[in-house]
C-alpha cells in the first residue's frame, strides 16, 4: 500500500516538473535528486569497505549542474525555450567535459593524504565513478528537456521505464519460474524480463503512433502549455503562441527499436544497482521513499536508460518531437 501511495504522489509531481517548472527550478530539483542519489551511492560504497571522498564528489557534482544549467538557460529567448544547439549546448558539452576530465586528477591528488595509502586508489576511483554513474546521467535531463517539446520525449522515455518495471514485477510474480540472475537479484525471472521488454515495445508503438492525441490531452489537462515557437527575423526573435502542436509520427520499426533499447538498458541499470546493494549487504539504498527504499532504488533503471534515450534523440529521433503544424 505504501508503494502504491508513494507512486501516486510522485508521478504527478514528476510530470508537473517536466512540463511546468521553469528551467532554474527544474535544474535545482534534478540537482537535489542527484545529491540524494550520490549520498546513497556513497553509503553503499562505505558499507562495501571503501571510504569515498564525499566532499570532492559533491563539489564536482554541483559544478556540473551549474555549468550545464547556465548553458541551457542561455538557449531560452523571451521566456520560451527556443533551442539553439550551436550555442549553449556546445558550451555546456565542452565545459562539462573539462570538469569530468579534471575530476579524476583532482580527486587522485587529494587522495594522497589518505591513510593507509594502499586504499587511496580505491577511494578515489569509487568517488570519480559517482560523477559518471549519477551525475553525468542525471545532468542529461537538462539538455533533453530544453527543446520546445523535449519534455514530451522525456515523459515517453520515463513511461517506458516505469511500465516495463511494473510488467516485470507482476508477470514475474505470477509466472516467474526461471531465475534471471540469482546471485545478484533472486527475485527477478526470465519470464518477467521478457514480459517487460515486450510490454515496453508495445507501449512505445502506442505512444509514438498516438503522439498527437497525447499532446492534445496534455495541453487540455494543463500539464503541457500551449506551444510557442521562435522565429529568427532580421535583428530579433519573436514568439507566436500556438494551440495544439502536431508532430510527425515515427515509423513502426523505430518505435520498436527505441522501446527495446530503453527497456534493456533500464533492466541492466536495475541489476547493476542490485549487485551494488548485495555486495554491500543492504536491501535498499535508503529509506526516504516509503515502500520504495531510497532515491537510488527509484532511479537505478533511469540512470542507464537516459544515455540511451539521449543517443536516440541525437541520432534523429528528435525530429519526431519537433513541431510540424498546429491544430
Protein backbone atom coordinates (compact mmCIF):
# COMPACT_ATOMS: atom_id res chain seq x y z
CA UNK A 1 0.00 0.00 0.00
CA UNK A 2 2.83 2.40 0.85
CA UNK A 3 4.46 1.63 -2.50
CA UNK A 4 1.30 2.47 -4.45
CA UNK A 5 0.59 5.63 -2.44
CA UNK A 6 4.14 6.91 -2.91
CA UNK A 7 3.91 6.32 -6.67
CA UNK A 8 0.53 8.08 -6.88
CA UNK A 9 2.05 11.13 -5.20
CA UNK A 10 5.39 11.17 -7.03
CA UNK A 11 4.32 10.60 -10.65
CA UNK A 12 2.14 13.76 -10.97
CA UNK A 13 4.94 15.78 -9.33
CA UNK A 14 7.43 14.46 -11.88
CA UNK A 15 5.07 15.25 -14.79
CA UNK A 16 4.44 18.78 -13.48
CA UNK A 17 8.18 19.35 -13.06
CA UNK A 18 8.83 18.13 -16.60
CA UNK A 19 6.27 20.40 -18.25
CA UNK A 20 5.65 23.32 -15.93
CA UNK A 21 8.71 24.04 -13.80
CA UNK A 22 10.94 26.87 -15.08
CA UNK A 23 14.41 25.74 -16.09
CA UNK A 24 16.10 27.06 -12.94
CA UNK A 25 13.64 25.20 -10.69
CA UNK A 26 13.87 22.03 -12.78
CA UNK A 27 17.67 22.21 -12.52
CA UNK A 28 17.50 22.59 -8.73
CA UNK A 29 15.06 19.68 -8.43
CA UNK A 30 17.24 17.36 -10.50
CA UNK A 31 20.34 18.52 -8.61
CA UNK A 32 18.57 17.68 -5.34
CA UNK A 33 17.77 14.18 -6.63
CA UNK A 34 21.38 13.78 -7.82
CA UNK A 35 22.80 14.79 -4.43
CA UNK A 36 20.48 12.38 -2.59
CA UNK A 37 21.38 9.57 -5.02
CA UNK A 38 25.09 10.38 -4.62
CA UNK A 39 24.73 10.23 -0.83
CA UNK A 40 23.10 6.80 -1.03
CA UNK A 41 25.76 5.62 -3.51
CA UNK A 42 28.49 6.72 -1.09
CA UNK A 43 26.67 4.94 1.76
CA UNK A 44 26.70 1.71 -0.27
CA UNK A 45 30.39 2.24 -1.06
CA UNK A 46 31.17 2.67 2.64
CA UNK A 47 29.22 -0.47 3.51
CA UNK A 48 31.33 -2.28 0.91
CA UNK A 49 34.55 -1.17 2.62
CA UNK A 50 35.53 1.98 0.70
CA UNK A 51 35.90 5.47 2.14
CA UNK A 52 34.53 7.72 -0.60
CA UNK A 53 35.74 11.31 -0.82
CA UNK A 54 32.30 12.81 -0.39
CA UNK A 55 33.29 16.47 -0.30
CA UNK A 56 35.08 16.39 -3.65
CA UNK A 57 32.32 14.28 -5.19
CA UNK A 58 29.56 16.67 -4.10
CA UNK A 59 31.60 19.68 -5.28
CA UNK A 60 32.14 18.39 -8.81
CA UNK A 61 28.52 17.19 -8.98
CA UNK A 62 27.31 20.69 -8.03
CA UNK A 63 29.64 22.37 -10.55
CA UNK A 64 28.46 20.03 -13.31
CA UNK A 65 24.84 21.06 -12.81
CA UNK A 66 25.70 24.76 -12.52
CA UNK A 67 27.65 24.72 -15.79
CA UNK A 68 25.04 22.79 -17.80
CA UNK A 69 22.13 24.67 -16.19
CA UNK A 70 23.60 28.09 -17.06
CA UNK A 71 24.38 26.96 -20.60
CA UNK A 72 20.85 25.66 -21.13
CA UNK A 73 19.39 28.89 -19.72
CA UNK A 74 21.23 30.77 -22.46
CA UNK A 75 19.25 28.86 -25.09
CA UNK A 76 15.98 30.41 -23.89
CA UNK A 77 14.74 33.61 -25.50
CA UNK A 78 11.84 35.68 -24.26
CA UNK A 79 10.90 33.08 -21.69
CA UNK A 80 10.38 30.38 -24.32
CA UNK A 81 12.85 27.52 -24.81
CA UNK A 82 14.00 28.27 -28.34
CA UNK A 83 16.60 25.58 -28.86
CA UNK A 84 19.91 26.57 -30.42
CA UNK A 85 22.31 23.62 -30.14
CA UNK A 86 25.15 25.62 -31.68
CA UNK A 87 25.36 27.96 -28.68
CA UNK A 88 24.51 26.84 -25.17
CA UNK A 89 24.55 23.10 -25.83
CA UNK A 90 28.08 23.01 -27.21
CA UNK A 91 29.32 25.31 -24.47
CA UNK A 92 27.79 23.01 -21.85
CA UNK A 93 29.32 19.93 -23.50
CA UNK A 94 32.79 21.47 -23.61
CA UNK A 95 32.83 22.80 -20.04
CA UNK A 96 31.18 19.67 -18.63
CA UNK A 97 33.78 17.55 -20.42
CA UNK A 98 36.57 19.67 -18.93
CA UNK A 99 35.09 19.19 -15.46
CA UNK A 100 34.81 15.44 -15.90
CA UNK A 101 38.38 15.23 -17.24
CA UNK A 102 39.75 17.30 -14.36
CA UNK A 103 37.82 15.49 -11.63
CA UNK A 104 39.89 12.24 -11.61
CA UNK A 105 43.17 14.15 -11.43
CA UNK A 106 41.98 16.44 -8.65
CA UNK A 107 40.46 13.60 -6.62
CA UNK A 108 43.51 11.36 -7.14
CA UNK A 109 45.78 14.18 -5.98
CA UNK A 110 43.63 14.75 -2.89
CA UNK A 111 43.65 11.01 -2.14
CA UNK A 112 47.41 11.10 -1.45
CA UNK A 113 46.58 12.36 2.04
CA UNK A 114 44.63 9.17 2.83
CA UNK A 115 45.78 6.68 5.42
CA UNK A 116 46.55 3.94 4.76
CA UNK A 117 47.92 4.89 1.37
CA UNK A 118 47.03 1.48 -0.04
CA UNK A 119 43.34 2.49 -0.04
CA UNK A 120 43.74 5.86 -1.76
CA UNK A 121 43.30 4.48 -5.29
CA UNK A 122 40.10 2.61 -4.45
CA UNK A 123 38.64 5.55 -2.53
CA UNK A 124 39.43 7.96 -5.36
CA UNK A 125 38.10 5.59 -8.03
CA UNK A 126 34.80 4.97 -6.25
CA UNK A 127 34.36 8.75 -5.84
CA UNK A 128 35.03 9.52 -9.51
CA UNK A 129 32.65 6.76 -10.64
CA UNK A 130 29.76 8.56 -8.91
CA UNK A 131 30.19 11.54 -11.25
CA UNK A 132 29.58 9.33 -14.27
CA UNK A 133 27.07 6.89 -12.78
CA UNK A 134 24.86 9.51 -11.12
CA UNK A 135 26.00 12.99 -12.19
CA UNK A 136 26.56 12.70 -15.93
CA UNK A 137 23.39 10.66 -16.41
CA UNK A 138 21.04 12.94 -14.49
CA UNK A 139 22.50 16.13 -15.94
CA UNK A 140 21.39 14.82 -19.36
CA UNK A 141 17.85 15.69 -18.27
CA UNK A 142 18.64 19.38 -18.77
CA UNK A 143 19.62 19.35 -22.49
CA UNK A 144 16.90 16.78 -23.23
CA UNK A 145 14.24 19.00 -21.65
CA UNK A 146 15.45 22.29 -23.15
CA UNK A 147 13.99 21.86 -26.68
CA UNK A 148 10.40 23.05 -27.05
CA UNK A 149 8.97 19.56 -26.76
CA UNK A 150 11.85 17.80 -25.04
CA UNK A 151 9.63 17.26 -22.00
CA UNK A 152 7.33 15.07 -24.08
CA UNK A 153 10.28 12.93 -25.17
CA UNK A 154 11.40 12.57 -21.55
CA UNK A 155 7.87 11.61 -20.47
CA UNK A 156 7.77 8.87 -23.12
CA UNK A 157 11.18 7.58 -22.01
CA UNK A 158 10.18 7.54 -18.34
CA UNK A 159 6.86 5.83 -19.11
CA UNK A 160 8.74 3.05 -20.91
CA UNK A 161 11.00 2.60 -17.88
CA UNK A 162 8.19 2.71 -15.31
CA UNK A 163 5.74 0.49 -17.19
CA UNK A 164 8.44 -2.01 -18.10
CA UNK A 165 9.33 -2.26 -14.41
CA UNK A 166 5.67 -2.83 -13.48
CA UNK A 167 5.30 -5.54 -16.15
CA UNK A 168 8.42 -7.33 -14.91
CA UNK A 169 7.21 -7.16 -11.30
CA UNK A 170 3.71 -8.56 -11.79
CA UNK A 171 4.41 -11.07 -14.56
CA UNK A 172 7.47 -12.26 -12.66
CA UNK A 173 5.42 -12.79 -9.51
CA UNK A 174 2.65 -14.62 -11.38
CA UNK A 175 4.63 -16.72 -13.86
CA UNK A 176 8.30 -16.45 -12.96
CA UNK A 177 10.00 -19.84 -12.67
CA UNK A 178 13.41 -19.36 -14.28
CA UNK A 179 15.78 -17.10 -12.34
CA UNK A 180 17.45 -14.34 -14.34
CA UNK A 181 20.41 -13.57 -12.06
CA UNK A 182 20.01 -15.40 -8.74
CA UNK A 183 23.41 -14.26 -7.43
CA UNK A 184 22.54 -10.59 -7.99
CA UNK A 185 18.75 -10.40 -7.66
CA UNK A 186 16.99 -13.67 -6.72
CA UNK A 187 13.52 -12.19 -7.27
CA UNK A 188 13.97 -11.46 -10.98
CA UNK A 189 12.96 -14.06 -13.56
CA UNK A 190 13.37 -14.53 -17.30
CA UNK A 191 9.59 -14.53 -17.65
CA UNK A 192 9.36 -11.08 -16.04
CA UNK A 193 12.30 -9.80 -18.09
CA UNK A 194 10.79 -10.91 -21.40
CA UNK A 195 7.37 -9.57 -20.45
CA UNK A 196 8.96 -6.24 -19.57
CA UNK A 197 10.69 -5.98 -22.95
CA UNK A 198 7.57 -6.97 -24.92
CA UNK A 199 5.39 -4.54 -22.98
CA UNK A 200 7.89 -1.72 -23.49
CA UNK A 201 7.98 -2.30 -27.26
CA UNK A 202 4.18 -2.36 -27.48
CA UNK A 203 3.90 0.76 -25.35
CA UNK A 204 6.48 2.56 -27.50
CA UNK A 205 4.42 1.81 -30.62
CA UNK A 206 1.27 3.13 -28.92
CA UNK A 207 2.99 6.28 -27.61
CA UNK A 208 4.62 7.24 -30.90
CA UNK A 209 1.59 6.33 -33.01
CA UNK A 210 -0.69 8.37 -30.73
CA UNK A 211 1.71 11.22 -30.04
CA UNK A 212 -0.69 13.86 -31.36
CA UNK A 213 -3.73 12.79 -29.29
CA UNK A 214 -1.43 12.50 -26.25
CA UNK A 215 -0.13 16.04 -26.82
CA UNK A 216 -3.70 17.27 -27.18
CA UNK A 217 -4.69 15.64 -23.89
CA UNK A 218 -1.69 17.09 -22.07
CA UNK A 219 -2.45 20.61 -23.32
CA UNK A 220 -6.12 20.38 -22.40
CA UNK A 221 -5.25 18.96 -18.98
CA UNK A 222 -2.96 21.97 -18.45
CA UNK A 223 0.09 19.78 -17.98
CA UNK A 224 1.72 20.82 -21.24
CA UNK A 225 1.41 24.54 -22.02
CA UNK A 226 0.32 25.75 -25.44
CA UNK A 227 3.34 25.72 -27.70
CA UNK A 228 5.37 28.77 -28.63
CA UNK A 229 7.93 28.76 -31.40
CA UNK A 230 10.60 31.36 -32.01
CA UNK A 231 11.31 32.65 -35.49
CA UNK A 232 14.64 34.30 -36.30
CA UNK A 233 13.79 37.54 -38.06
CA UNK A 234 16.24 40.21 -39.15
CA UNK A 235 17.67 41.58 -35.92
CA UNK A 236 15.31 39.98 -33.42
CA UNK A 237 13.27 36.93 -32.36
CA UNK A 238 9.52 36.89 -31.95
CA UNK A 239 7.36 34.19 -30.36
CA UNK A 240 3.98 33.19 -31.74
CA UNK A 241 1.57 31.37 -29.38
CA UNK A 242 0.05 28.26 -30.86
CA UNK A 243 -2.84 26.00 -29.97
CA UNK A 244 -2.39 22.19 -30.13
CA UNK A 245 1.01 21.10 -31.50
CA UNK A 246 1.18 18.46 -34.20
CA UNK A 247 4.09 16.06 -34.74
CA UNK A 248 5.32 13.70 -37.41
CA UNK A 249 4.66 10.08 -36.41
CA UNK A 250 7.80 7.95 -36.02
CA UNK A 251 8.00 4.76 -38.10
CA UNK A 252 6.97 1.46 -36.54
CA UNK A 253 10.46 -0.07 -36.60
CA UNK A 254 12.00 2.92 -34.84
CA UNK A 255 9.41 2.81 -32.06
CA UNK A 256 10.09 -0.91 -31.57
CA UNK A 257 13.86 -0.38 -31.52
CA UNK A 258 13.59 2.54 -29.12
CA UNK A 259 11.30 0.68 -26.73
CA UNK A 260 13.53 -2.40 -26.70
CA UNK A 261 16.77 -0.42 -26.26
CA UNK A 262 15.40 1.69 -23.41
CA UNK A 263 13.95 -1.38 -21.70
CA UNK A 264 17.12 -3.48 -21.93
CA UNK A 265 19.26 -0.62 -20.62
CA UNK A 266 16.77 0.05 -17.80
CA UNK A 267 16.77 -3.60 -16.72
CA UNK A 268 20.58 -3.60 -16.76
CA UNK A 269 20.57 -0.50 -14.56
CA UNK A 270 18.27 -2.24 -12.10
CA UNK A 271 20.54 -5.30 -11.99
CA UNK A 272 23.68 -3.20 -11.52
CA UNK A 273 22.23 -1.39 -8.51
CA UNK A 274 21.04 -4.72 -7.09
CA UNK A 275 24.60 -6.03 -7.41
CA UNK A 276 25.96 -2.98 -5.59
CA UNK A 277 23.49 -3.40 -2.72
CA UNK A 278 24.07 -7.14 -2.46
CA UNK A 279 27.80 -6.59 -2.36
CA UNK A 280 27.27 -4.11 0.49
CA UNK A 281 24.85 -6.40 2.32
CA UNK A 282 21.96 -3.88 2.20
CA UNK A 283 18.39 -4.40 0.99
CA UNK A 284 17.62 -0.80 -0.02
CA UNK A 285 19.82 2.17 -0.85
CA UNK A 286 17.87 4.29 1.64
CA UNK A 287 14.57 4.79 3.45
CA UNK A 288 13.47 8.18 2.09
CA UNK A 289 10.56 6.86 -0.01
CA UNK A 290 8.06 4.67 1.91
CA UNK A 291 7.65 1.31 0.20
CA UNK A 292 10.25 2.18 -2.44
CA UNK A 293 13.50 2.35 -0.49
CA UNK A 294 15.87 5.16 -1.39
CA UNK A 295 16.19 7.60 -4.27
CA UNK A 296 18.79 5.42 -5.97
CA UNK A 297 16.37 2.49 -5.85
CA UNK A 298 13.85 4.55 -7.83
CA UNK A 299 16.19 5.93 -10.48
CA UNK A 300 18.59 2.99 -10.98
CA UNK A 301 16.87 1.97 -14.23
CA UNK A 302 16.69 5.57 -15.44
CA UNK A 303 20.42 6.05 -14.89
CA UNK A 304 21.10 3.53 -17.66
CA UNK A 305 18.10 4.40 -19.84
CA UNK A 306 18.73 8.16 -20.13
CA UNK A 307 22.04 7.90 -22.03
CA UNK A 308 20.36 5.52 -24.48
CA UNK A 309 17.49 7.99 -24.90
CA UNK A 310 19.96 10.82 -25.46
CA UNK A 311 21.73 8.78 -28.14
CA UNK A 312 18.48 8.08 -29.98
CA UNK A 313 17.42 11.73 -29.72
CA UNK A 314 20.76 12.98 -31.07
CA UNK A 315 20.83 10.46 -33.93
CA UNK A 316 17.49 11.51 -35.35
CA UNK A 317 14.59 10.71 -33.05
CA UNK A 318 14.47 14.37 -32.02
CA UNK A 319 12.84 15.23 -35.34
CA UNK A 320 9.66 13.44 -34.24
CA UNK A 321 9.38 15.87 -31.31
CA UNK A 322 9.63 18.98 -33.46
CA UNK A 323 6.59 20.98 -34.48
CA UNK A 324 5.24 20.28 -37.96
CA UNK A 325 1.89 22.06 -37.59
CA UNK A 326 -0.83 23.18 -35.22
CA UNK A 327 -4.49 22.46 -34.74
